Amino acid sequence: KNINSLIRRIHTDGIYTDQDMDFLKVNQKKIIKIIQKEYDRLLDLKTKFTSDSLTKKQKKQLIESLSENQIPLPKKLVLEEVYEKIKEDFMYIIASIENSPAQSKGVAEYVWQYVYGDTLYTLEDNRLIEFADKIFMFSQKLKFKLAKLDQIFEDKDWYELKDILDEYEIY
């Protein structure tokens, strides 16, 4: 961390002192080791990269670093993250429906059929992202609500979810 802060300070100020140079000389081996480690990581990424081989944490780091450096994100990587987020949100919503005494099994079955249907895979990319955003907002709202109300997924919640699902349904 001291090396990084020194490099940033030198880069922003544009000047360095004799003390800075002494510090760099003393830590030269560490710096070279860090550079080699990063270079090896990038080589591995270049030769072994498929988005299937990345963990969720690695995908998140890759997206952040590509965004920071203003490099366009690979479409497949973005869509994988969108589908993963939709899946997580639906799993929470379905669990909430199944655990709620106010809902019948038919409601949960309807949502399961929607998830396993073709709609999610036939939506255009922009519509899919819009859908993911709406489902995310709904699930967050539901999390806050259910934290207070003893896990009751009410009819009002069902109608709101149904409106979202119907809006993106492809017939």
N, C-alpha and C. Protein backbone atom coordinates (compact mmCIF):
# COMPACT_ATOMS: atom_id res chain seq x y z
N LYS A 1 0.82 -1.19 0.00
CA LYS A 1 0.00 0.00 0.00
C LYS A 1 0.87 1.25 0.00
N ASN A 2 1.97 1.22 0.72
CA ASN A 2 2.86 2.38 0.74
C ASN A 2 3.45 2.64 -0.64
N ILE A 3 3.75 1.55 -1.35
CA ILE A 3 4.31 1.68 -2.70
C ILE A 3 3.29 2.33 -3.61
N ASN A 4 2.04 1.84 -3.56
CA ASN A 4 1.00 2.41 -4.41
C ASN A 4 0.75 3.88 -4.10
N SER A 5 0.69 4.23 -2.82
CA SER A 5 0.45 5.64 -2.49
C SER A 5 1.61 6.52 -2.93
N LEU A 6 2.84 6.01 -2.82
CA LEU A 6 4.00 6.77 -3.28
C LEU A 6 3.94 6.98 -4.79
N ILE A 7 3.64 5.92 -5.53
CA ILE A 7 3.56 6.03 -6.99
C ILE A 7 2.46 7.01 -7.39
N ARG A 8 1.31 6.92 -6.74
CA ARG A 8 0.22 7.86 -7.05
C ARG A 8 0.64 9.30 -6.77
N ARG A 9 1.30 9.51 -5.63
CA ARG A 9 1.72 10.87 -5.27
C ARG A 9 2.74 11.40 -6.27
N ILE A 10 3.70 10.57 -6.65
CA ILE A 10 4.69 11.00 -7.65
C ILE A 10 4.00 11.31 -8.97
N HIS A 11 3.04 10.45 -9.35
CA HIS A 11 2.33 10.64 -10.61
C HIS A 11 1.51 11.93 -10.60
N THR A 12 0.83 12.21 -9.49
CA THR A 12 -0.01 13.42 -9.45
C THR A 12 0.81 14.69 -9.26
N ASP A 13 1.83 14.63 -8.39
CA ASP A 13 2.65 15.82 -8.15
C ASP A 13 3.65 16.08 -9.27
N GLY A 14 4.11 15.00 -9.89
CA GLY A 14 5.09 15.14 -10.96
C GLY A 14 6.51 15.33 -10.45
N ILE A 15 6.71 15.23 -9.13
CA ILE A 15 8.06 15.37 -8.57
C ILE A 15 8.29 14.27 -7.54
N TYR A 16 9.55 14.00 -7.27
CA TYR A 16 9.89 13.03 -6.24
C TYR A 16 11.15 13.50 -5.52
N THR A 17 11.34 13.03 -4.30
CA THR A 17 12.47 13.44 -3.47
C THR A 17 13.50 12.32 -3.40
N ASP A 18 14.65 12.64 -2.82
CA ASP A 18 15.67 11.61 -2.61
C ASP A 18 15.15 10.52 -1.69
N GLN A 19 14.36 10.91 -0.72
CA GLN A 19 13.78 9.93 0.20
C GLN A 19 12.85 8.96 -0.55
N ASP A 20 12.09 9.50 -1.52
CA ASP A 20 11.23 8.64 -2.33
C ASP A 20 12.05 7.64 -3.12
N MET A 21 13.16 8.10 -3.69
CA MET A 21 14.03 7.21 -4.47
C MET A 21 14.64 6.13 -3.58
N ASP A 22 15.05 6.51 -2.38
CA ASP A 22 15.60 5.52 -1.44
C ASP A 22 14.56 4.46 -1.09
N PHE A 23 13.34 4.91 -0.86
CA PHE A 23 12.25 3.98 -0.55
C PHE A 23 12.04 3.01 -1.71
N LEU A 24 12.05 3.53 -2.94
CA LEU A 24 11.86 2.67 -4.11
C LEU A 24 13.02 1.69 -4.27
N LYS A 25 14.25 2.13 -4.02
CA LYS A 25 15.40 1.23 -4.12
C LYS A 25 15.30 0.10 -3.10
N VAL A 26 14.91 0.44 -1.89
CA VAL A 26 14.78 -0.56 -0.84
C VAL A 26 13.69 -1.58 -1.19
N ASN A 27 12.62 -1.11 -1.77
CA ASN A 27 11.47 -1.98 -2.08
C ASN A 27 11.44 -2.45 -3.53
N GLN A 28 12.53 -2.31 -4.25
CA GLN A 28 12.58 -2.66 -5.66
C GLN A 28 12.21 -4.13 -5.90
N LYS A 29 12.71 -5.02 -5.08
CA LYS A 29 12.40 -6.44 -5.27
C LYS A 29 10.91 -6.71 -5.07
N LYS A 30 10.31 -6.05 -4.08
CA LYS A 30 8.87 -6.20 -3.86
C LYS A 30 8.09 -5.71 -5.07
N ILE A 31 8.52 -4.57 -5.59
CA ILE A 31 7.84 -3.97 -6.74
C ILE A 31 7.93 -4.90 -7.94
N ILE A 32 9.11 -5.42 -8.20
CA ILE A 32 9.30 -6.33 -9.34
C ILE A 32 8.45 -7.59 -9.15
N LYS A 33 8.40 -8.11 -7.94
CA LYS A 33 7.60 -9.30 -7.64
C LYS A 33 6.11 -9.03 -7.89
N ILE A 34 5.64 -7.87 -7.47
CA ILE A 34 4.24 -7.50 -7.68
C ILE A 34 3.94 -7.38 -9.17
N ILE A 35 4.83 -6.74 -9.91
CA ILE A 35 4.64 -6.57 -11.36
C ILE A 35 4.63 -7.93 -12.04
N GLN A 36 5.55 -8.82 -11.67
CA GLN A 36 5.59 -10.15 -12.27
C GLN A 36 4.33 -10.95 -11.95
N LYS A 37 3.86 -10.84 -10.73
CA LYS A 37 2.65 -11.56 -10.32
C LYS A 37 1.45 -11.08 -11.15
N GLU A 38 1.33 -9.77 -11.32
CA GLU A 38 0.23 -9.21 -12.10
C GLU A 38 0.36 -9.60 -13.57
N TYR A 39 1.58 -9.59 -14.09
CA TYR A 39 1.82 -9.98 -15.48
C TYR A 39 1.43 -11.44 -15.69
N ASP A 40 1.83 -12.31 -14.75
CA ASP A 40 1.47 -13.73 -14.84
C ASP A 40 -0.04 -13.92 -14.79
N ARG A 41 -0.70 -13.15 -13.92
CA ARG A 41 -2.16 -13.25 -13.82
C ARG A 41 -2.82 -12.84 -15.13
N LEU A 42 -2.31 -11.78 -15.75
CA LEU A 42 -2.87 -11.33 -17.02
C LEU A 42 -2.61 -12.33 -18.14
N LEU A 43 -1.43 -12.94 -18.13
CA LEU A 43 -1.14 -13.98 -19.12
C LEU A 43 -2.07 -15.17 -18.95
N ASP A 44 -2.28 -15.59 -17.70
CA ASP A 44 -3.21 -16.69 -17.44
C ASP A 44 -4.61 -16.33 -17.91
N LEU A 45 -5.00 -15.11 -17.63
CA LEU A 45 -6.33 -14.66 -18.04
C LEU A 45 -6.45 -14.68 -19.56
N LYS A 46 -5.40 -14.27 -20.23
CA LYS A 46 -5.42 -14.23 -21.70
C LYS A 46 -5.50 -15.64 -22.28
N THR A 47 -4.74 -16.56 -21.72
CA THR A 47 -4.68 -17.90 -22.31
C THR A 47 -5.80 -18.81 -21.85
N LYS A 48 -6.29 -18.62 -20.64
CA LYS A 48 -7.29 -19.53 -20.09
C LYS A 48 -8.67 -18.91 -19.98
N PHE A 49 -8.85 -17.73 -20.54
CA PHE A 49 -10.10 -17.01 -20.29
C PHE A 49 -11.27 -17.59 -21.06
N THR A 50 -12.27 -17.99 -20.32
CA THR A 50 -13.63 -18.16 -20.82
C THR A 50 -14.49 -17.70 -19.66
N SER A 51 -15.59 -17.10 -19.96
CA SER A 51 -16.41 -16.60 -18.87
C SER A 51 -16.97 -17.74 -18.03
N ASP A 52 -17.00 -18.96 -18.59
CA ASP A 52 -17.47 -20.11 -17.82
C ASP A 52 -16.49 -20.48 -16.72
N SER A 53 -15.20 -20.22 -16.95
CA SER A 53 -14.19 -20.63 -15.98
C SER A 53 -14.01 -19.62 -14.84
N LEU A 54 -14.71 -18.50 -14.89
CA LEU A 54 -14.58 -17.48 -13.85
C LEU A 54 -15.61 -17.69 -12.75
N THR A 55 -15.20 -17.42 -11.53
CA THR A 55 -16.15 -17.43 -10.42
C THR A 55 -16.94 -16.12 -10.45
N LYS A 56 -17.98 -16.07 -9.65
CA LYS A 56 -18.79 -14.85 -9.61
C LYS A 56 -17.96 -13.66 -9.15
N LYS A 57 -17.10 -13.88 -8.16
CA LYS A 57 -16.25 -12.80 -7.65
C LYS A 57 -15.28 -12.33 -8.73
N GLN A 58 -14.70 -13.27 -9.48
CA GLN A 58 -13.77 -12.91 -10.55
C GLN A 58 -14.49 -12.13 -11.66
N LYS A 59 -15.73 -12.53 -11.98
CA LYS A 59 -16.51 -11.81 -12.99
C LYS A 59 -16.74 -10.37 -12.55
N LYS A 60 -17.09 -10.22 -11.27
CA LYS A 60 -17.34 -8.89 -10.73
C LYS A 60 -16.08 -8.03 -10.82
N GLN A 61 -14.92 -8.61 -10.46
CA GLN A 61 -13.65 -7.88 -10.53
C GLN A 61 -13.32 -7.52 -11.98
N LEU A 62 -13.56 -8.44 -12.90
CA LEU A 62 -13.29 -8.18 -14.31
C LEU A 62 -14.16 -7.05 -14.82
N ILE A 63 -15.43 -7.07 -14.49
CA ILE A 63 -16.34 -6.01 -14.93
C ILE A 63 -15.90 -4.67 -14.37
N GLU A 64 -15.54 -4.64 -13.08
CA GLU A 64 -15.09 -3.39 -12.47
C GLU A 64 -13.82 -2.87 -13.13
N SER A 65 -12.85 -3.74 -13.38
CA SER A 65 -11.60 -3.27 -13.98
C SER A 65 -11.80 -2.83 -15.43
N LEU A 66 -12.66 -3.53 -16.17
CA LEU A 66 -12.95 -3.11 -17.54
C LEU A 66 -13.67 -1.76 -17.54
N SER A 67 -14.58 -1.58 -16.60
CA SER A 67 -15.31 -0.31 -16.52
C SER A 67 -14.39 0.83 -16.13
N GLU A 68 -13.49 0.58 -15.18
CA GLU A 68 -12.55 1.62 -14.74
C GLU A 68 -11.67 2.08 -15.90
N ASN A 69 -11.29 1.15 -16.74
CA ASN A 69 -10.39 1.48 -17.85
C ASN A 69 -11.14 1.79 -19.14
N GLN A 70 -12.45 1.91 -19.04
CA GLN A 70 -13.31 2.28 -20.16
C GLN A 70 -13.14 1.34 -21.35
N ILE A 71 -13.02 0.06 -21.05
CA ILE A 71 -12.95 -0.98 -22.08
C ILE A 71 -14.34 -1.58 -22.19
N PRO A 72 -14.86 -1.75 -23.40
CA PRO A 72 -16.21 -2.30 -23.53
C PRO A 72 -16.30 -3.71 -22.93
N LEU A 73 -17.38 -3.96 -22.22
CA LEU A 73 -17.57 -5.26 -21.58
C LEU A 73 -18.04 -6.29 -22.61
N PRO A 74 -17.54 -7.52 -22.53
CA PRO A 74 -18.04 -8.56 -23.43
C PRO A 74 -19.53 -8.82 -23.15
N LYS A 75 -20.31 -8.89 -24.21
CA LYS A 75 -21.75 -9.05 -24.08
C LYS A 75 -22.11 -10.32 -23.30
N LYS A 76 -21.41 -11.40 -23.56
CA LYS A 76 -21.70 -12.67 -22.90
C LYS A 76 -21.53 -12.55 -21.38
N LEU A 77 -20.48 -11.86 -20.97
CA LEU A 77 -20.20 -11.69 -19.54
C LEU A 77 -21.31 -10.88 -18.87
N VAL A 78 -21.75 -9.83 -19.53
CA VAL A 78 -22.82 -8.99 -18.98
C VAL A 78 -24.11 -9.79 -18.86
N LEU A 79 -24.45 -10.53 -19.92
CA LEU A 79 -25.70 -11.30 -19.90
C LEU A 79 -25.66 -12.40 -18.85
N GLU A 80 -24.51 -13.03 -18.66
CA GLU A 80 -24.39 -14.05 -17.61
C GLU A 80 -24.68 -13.45 -16.24
N GLU A 81 -24.15 -12.26 -16.00
CA GLU A 81 -24.40 -11.59 -14.72
C GLU A 81 -25.87 -11.23 -14.57
N VAL A 82 -26.50 -10.78 -15.66
CA VAL A 82 -27.91 -10.41 -15.61
C VAL A 82 -28.76 -11.65 -15.29
N TYR A 83 -28.50 -12.76 -16.01
CA TYR A 83 -29.26 -13.99 -15.75
C TYR A 83 -29.04 -14.50 -14.32
N GLU A 84 -27.81 -14.40 -13.84
CA GLU A 84 -27.50 -14.85 -12.48
C GLU A 84 -28.28 -14.02 -11.45
N LYS A 85 -28.33 -12.72 -11.67
CA LYS A 85 -29.05 -11.83 -10.74
C LYS A 85 -30.56 -12.11 -10.80
N ILE A 86 -31.09 -12.31 -12.00
CA ILE A 86 -32.52 -12.62 -12.13
C ILE A 86 -32.82 -13.92 -11.38
N LYS A 87 -31.96 -14.92 -11.54
CA LYS A 87 -32.16 -16.21 -10.87
C LYS A 87 -32.19 -16.03 -9.35
N GLU A 88 -31.23 -15.28 -8.82
CA GLU A 88 -31.18 -15.05 -7.37
C GLU A 88 -32.44 -14.34 -6.88
N ASP A 89 -32.88 -13.33 -7.62
CA ASP A 89 -34.07 -12.58 -7.22
C ASP A 89 -35.31 -13.47 -7.26
N PHE A 90 -35.45 -14.28 -8.32
CA PHE A 90 -36.60 -15.17 -8.41
C PHE A 90 -36.58 -16.24 -7.32
N MET A 91 -35.41 -16.73 -6.97
CA MET A 91 -35.32 -17.73 -5.90
C MET A 91 -35.84 -17.13 -4.59
N TYR A 92 -35.49 -15.89 -4.33
CA TYR A 92 -35.97 -15.22 -3.11
C TYR A 92 -37.48 -15.01 -3.18
N ILE A 93 -37.96 -14.53 -4.32
CA ILE A 93 -39.40 -14.26 -4.47
C ILE A 93 -40.20 -15.55 -4.32
N ILE A 94 -39.76 -16.61 -4.97
CA ILE A 94 -40.48 -17.89 -4.90
C ILE A 94 -40.47 -18.44 -3.47
N ALA A 95 -39.32 -18.34 -2.81
CA ALA A 95 -39.26 -18.80 -1.41
C ALA A 95 -40.22 -17.99 -0.54
N SER A 96 -40.32 -16.70 -0.80
CA SER A 96 -41.24 -15.85 -0.04
C SER A 96 -42.69 -16.26 -0.28
N ILE A 97 -43.01 -16.58 -1.52
CA ILE A 97 -44.37 -17.02 -1.85
C ILE A 97 -44.67 -18.35 -1.16
N GLU A 98 -43.74 -19.30 -1.27
CA GLU A 98 -43.96 -20.63 -0.69
C GLU A 98 -44.05 -20.59 0.83
N ASN A 99 -43.33 -19.67 1.46
CA ASN A 99 -43.34 -19.58 2.92
C ASN A 99 -44.50 -18.75 3.47
N SER A 100 -45.22 -18.12 2.58
CA SER A 100 -46.31 -17.25 3.02
C SER A 100 -47.60 -18.06 3.17
N PRO A 101 -48.25 -17.93 4.32
CA PRO A 101 -49.53 -18.63 4.50
C PRO A 101 -50.67 -18.01 3.68
N ALA A 102 -50.46 -16.81 3.17
CA ALA A 102 -51.52 -16.11 2.44
C ALA A 102 -51.60 -16.50 0.97
N GLN A 103 -50.65 -17.31 0.47
CA GLN A 103 -50.64 -17.65 -0.95
C GLN A 103 -50.81 -19.15 -1.16
N SER A 104 -51.46 -19.49 -2.25
CA SER A 104 -51.65 -20.91 -2.59
C SER A 104 -50.44 -21.41 -3.38
N LYS A 105 -50.36 -22.71 -3.54
CA LYS A 105 -49.26 -23.29 -4.32
C LYS A 105 -49.34 -22.88 -5.79
N GLY A 106 -50.53 -22.54 -6.25
CA GLY A 106 -50.70 -22.15 -7.64
C GLY A 106 -49.90 -20.91 -8.02
N VAL A 107 -49.77 -20.00 -7.08
CA VAL A 107 -49.01 -18.77 -7.34
C VAL A 107 -47.53 -19.11 -7.53
N ALA A 108 -46.99 -19.92 -6.64
CA ALA A 108 -45.58 -20.32 -6.77
C ALA A 108 -45.36 -21.11 -8.05
N GLU A 109 -46.32 -22.00 -8.39
CA GLU A 109 -46.21 -22.78 -9.63
C GLU A 109 -46.19 -21.87 -10.85
N TYR A 110 -47.03 -20.84 -10.84
CA TYR A 110 -47.08 -19.90 -11.96
C TYR A 110 -45.72 -19.23 -12.15
N VAL A 111 -45.12 -18.79 -11.03
CA VAL A 111 -43.82 -18.11 -11.11
C VAL A 111 -42.75 -19.09 -11.58
N TRP A 112 -42.78 -20.33 -11.07
CA TRP A 112 -41.82 -21.35 -11.53
C TRP A 112 -41.95 -21.57 -13.04
N GLN A 113 -43.18 -21.68 -13.53
CA GLN A 113 -43.39 -21.88 -14.97
C GLN A 113 -42.86 -20.70 -15.77
N TYR A 114 -43.04 -19.51 -15.24
CA TYR A 114 -42.52 -18.32 -15.92
C TYR A 114 -41.00 -18.39 -16.02
N VAL A 115 -40.37 -18.75 -14.90
CA VAL A 115 -38.90 -18.83 -14.88
C VAL A 115 -38.40 -19.88 -15.86
N TYR A 116 -39.08 -21.03 -15.91
CA TYR A 116 -38.64 -22.11 -16.80
C TYR A 116 -39.13 -21.95 -18.23
N GLY A 117 -39.98 -20.96 -18.49
CA GLY A 117 -40.48 -20.73 -19.84
C GLY A 117 -39.44 -20.08 -20.73
N ASP A 118 -39.86 -19.72 -21.94
CA ASP A 118 -38.95 -19.15 -22.93
C ASP A 118 -38.77 -17.65 -22.82
N THR A 119 -39.60 -16.99 -22.05
CA THR A 119 -39.60 -15.53 -22.02
C THR A 119 -38.24 -14.94 -21.71
N LEU A 120 -37.59 -15.43 -20.67
CA LEU A 120 -36.30 -14.85 -20.28
C LEU A 120 -35.25 -14.98 -21.37
N TYR A 121 -35.36 -16.03 -22.18
CA TYR A 121 -34.32 -16.30 -23.17
C TYR A 121 -34.66 -15.71 -24.54
N THR A 122 -35.87 -15.19 -24.69
CA THR A 122 -36.24 -14.59 -25.98
C THR A 122 -36.34 -13.07 -25.92
N LEU A 123 -36.19 -12.51 -24.74
CA LEU A 123 -36.21 -11.04 -24.63
C LEU A 123 -34.96 -10.45 -25.27
N GLU A 124 -35.13 -9.30 -25.89
CA GLU A 124 -33.96 -8.57 -26.40
C GLU A 124 -33.12 -8.15 -25.21
N ASP A 125 -31.83 -7.92 -25.45
CA ASP A 125 -30.90 -7.62 -24.36
C ASP A 125 -31.34 -6.43 -23.51
N ASN A 126 -31.76 -5.35 -24.17
CA ASN A 126 -32.18 -4.15 -23.41
C ASN A 126 -33.41 -4.43 -22.56
N ARG A 127 -34.37 -5.17 -23.13
CA ARG A 127 -35.58 -5.51 -22.39
C ARG A 127 -35.25 -6.46 -21.23
N LEU A 128 -34.30 -7.35 -21.46
CA LEU A 128 -33.88 -8.28 -20.40
C LEU A 128 -33.29 -7.50 -19.22
N ILE A 129 -32.47 -6.52 -19.53
CA ILE A 129 -31.85 -5.71 -18.47
C ILE A 129 -32.92 -4.89 -17.74
N GLU A 130 -33.88 -4.34 -18.48
CA GLU A 130 -35.00 -3.62 -17.85
C GLU A 130 -35.76 -4.55 -16.92
N PHE A 131 -36.03 -5.77 -17.42
CA PHE A 131 -36.75 -6.77 -16.62
C PHE A 131 -35.96 -7.10 -15.35
N ALA A 132 -34.66 -7.30 -15.49
CA ALA A 132 -33.81 -7.61 -14.33
C ALA A 132 -33.87 -6.48 -13.31
N ASP A 133 -33.86 -5.24 -13.79
CA ASP A 133 -33.94 -4.09 -12.88
C ASP A 133 -35.26 -4.08 -12.12
N LYS A 134 -36.36 -4.33 -12.83
CA LYS A 134 -37.67 -4.31 -12.17
C LYS A 134 -37.81 -5.45 -11.17
N ILE A 135 -37.33 -6.63 -11.53
CA ILE A 135 -37.39 -7.77 -10.61
C ILE A 135 -36.51 -7.50 -9.39
N PHE A 136 -35.35 -6.89 -9.63
CA PHE A 136 -34.46 -6.55 -8.52
C PHE A 136 -35.14 -5.58 -7.56
N MET A 137 -35.74 -4.53 -8.12
CA MET A 137 -36.43 -3.53 -7.28
C MET A 137 -37.58 -4.18 -6.51
N PHE A 138 -38.33 -5.05 -7.18
CA PHE A 138 -39.44 -5.74 -6.52
C PHE A 138 -38.92 -6.61 -5.38
N SER A 139 -37.86 -7.37 -5.62
CA SER A 139 -37.34 -8.27 -4.58
C SER A 139 -36.77 -7.47 -3.40
N GLN A 140 -36.14 -6.32 -3.68
CA GLN A 140 -35.62 -5.50 -2.58
C GLN A 140 -36.77 -4.93 -1.75
N LYS A 141 -37.80 -4.46 -2.44
CA LYS A 141 -38.97 -3.93 -1.74
C LYS A 141 -39.60 -5.03 -0.89
N LEU A 142 -39.65 -6.23 -1.45
CA LEU A 142 -40.22 -7.38 -0.74
C LEU A 142 -39.38 -7.73 0.49
N LYS A 143 -38.06 -7.67 0.36
CA LYS A 143 -37.18 -7.98 1.49
C LYS A 143 -37.43 -7.02 2.65
N PHE A 144 -37.55 -5.74 2.35
CA PHE A 144 -37.82 -4.76 3.41
C PHE A 144 -39.18 -5.01 4.05
N LYS A 145 -40.16 -5.29 3.20
CA LYS A 145 -41.52 -5.51 3.71
C LYS A 145 -41.58 -6.77 4.56
N LEU A 146 -41.01 -7.86 4.08
CA LEU A 146 -41.11 -9.13 4.79
C LEU A 146 -40.29 -9.14 6.07
N ALA A 147 -39.31 -8.27 6.15
CA ALA A 147 -38.54 -8.17 7.39
C ALA A 147 -39.43 -7.69 8.53
N LYS A 148 -40.48 -6.96 8.19
CA LYS A 148 -41.37 -6.40 9.21
C LYS A 148 -42.62 -7.25 9.44
N LEU A 149 -43.10 -7.95 8.42
CA LEU A 149 -44.45 -8.53 8.49
C LEU A 149 -44.51 -10.05 8.59
N ASP A 150 -43.59 -10.68 9.21
CA ASP A 150 -43.67 -12.13 9.45
C ASP A 150 -43.85 -12.96 8.17
N GLN A 151 -43.14 -12.64 7.13
CA GLN A 151 -43.11 -13.45 5.90
C GLN A 151 -44.47 -13.63 5.23
N ILE A 152 -45.26 -12.58 5.15
CA ILE A 152 -46.56 -12.69 4.49
C ILE A 152 -46.48 -12.02 3.12
N PHE A 153 -46.57 -12.85 2.08
CA PHE A 153 -46.60 -12.38 0.70
C PHE A 153 -48.08 -12.19 0.37
N GLU A 154 -48.51 -10.94 0.37
CA GLU A 154 -49.93 -10.63 0.23
C GLU A 154 -50.36 -10.64 -1.23
N ASP A 155 -51.68 -10.61 -1.43
CA ASP A 155 -52.24 -10.56 -2.78
C ASP A 155 -51.76 -9.31 -3.52
N LYS A 156 -51.63 -8.21 -2.80
CA LYS A 156 -51.14 -6.96 -3.40
C LYS A 156 -49.74 -7.17 -4.00
N ASP A 157 -48.89 -7.91 -3.28
CA ASP A 157 -47.55 -8.22 -3.79
C ASP A 157 -47.64 -9.09 -5.03
N TRP A 158 -48.54 -10.06 -5.00
CA TRP A 158 -48.71 -10.96 -6.14
C TRP A 158 -49.15 -10.18 -7.38
N TYR A 159 -50.10 -9.25 -7.22
CA TYR A 159 -50.58 -8.48 -8.37
C TYR A 159 -49.47 -7.58 -8.93
N GLU A 160 -48.66 -7.05 -8.05
CA GLU A 160 -47.54 -6.23 -8.52
C GLU A 160 -46.53 -7.08 -9.30
N LEU A 161 -46.22 -8.26 -8.77
CA LEU A 161 -45.31 -9.17 -9.48
C LEU A 161 -45.92 -9.61 -10.80
N LYS A 162 -47.20 -9.94 -10.80
CA LYS A 162 -47.88 -10.39 -12.02
C LYS A 162 -47.83 -9.29 -13.08
N ASP A 163 -48.01 -8.04 -12.69
CA ASP A 163 -47.92 -6.92 -13.64
C ASP A 163 -46.54 -6.87 -14.29
N ILE A 164 -45.50 -7.06 -13.49
CA ILE A 164 -44.13 -7.06 -14.03
C ILE A 164 -43.94 -8.22 -15.00
N LEU A 165 -44.38 -9.41 -14.59
CA LEU A 165 -44.23 -10.60 -15.45
C LEU A 165 -45.02 -10.44 -16.74
N ASP A 166 -46.24 -9.92 -16.64
CA ASP A 166 -47.07 -9.74 -17.84
C ASP A 166 -46.48 -8.72 -18.80
N GLU A 167 -45.85 -7.69 -18.26
CA GLU A 167 -45.26 -6.65 -19.10
C GLU A 167 -44.17 -7.22 -20.02
N TYR A 168 -43.46 -8.23 -19.54
CA TYR A 168 -42.35 -8.78 -20.32
C TYR A 168 -42.67 -10.15 -20.92
N GLU A 169 -43.90 -10.60 -20.80
CA GLU A 169 -44.30 -11.89 -21.36
C GLU A 169 -44.30 -11.80 -22.88
N ILE A 170 -43.78 -12.84 -23.51
CA ILE A 170 -43.78 -12.91 -24.98
C ILE A 170 -44.75 -14.02 -25.37
N TYR A 171 -45.73 -13.66 -26.18
CA TYR A 171 -46.76 -14.64 -26.57
C TYR A 171 -46.49 -15.21 -27.94
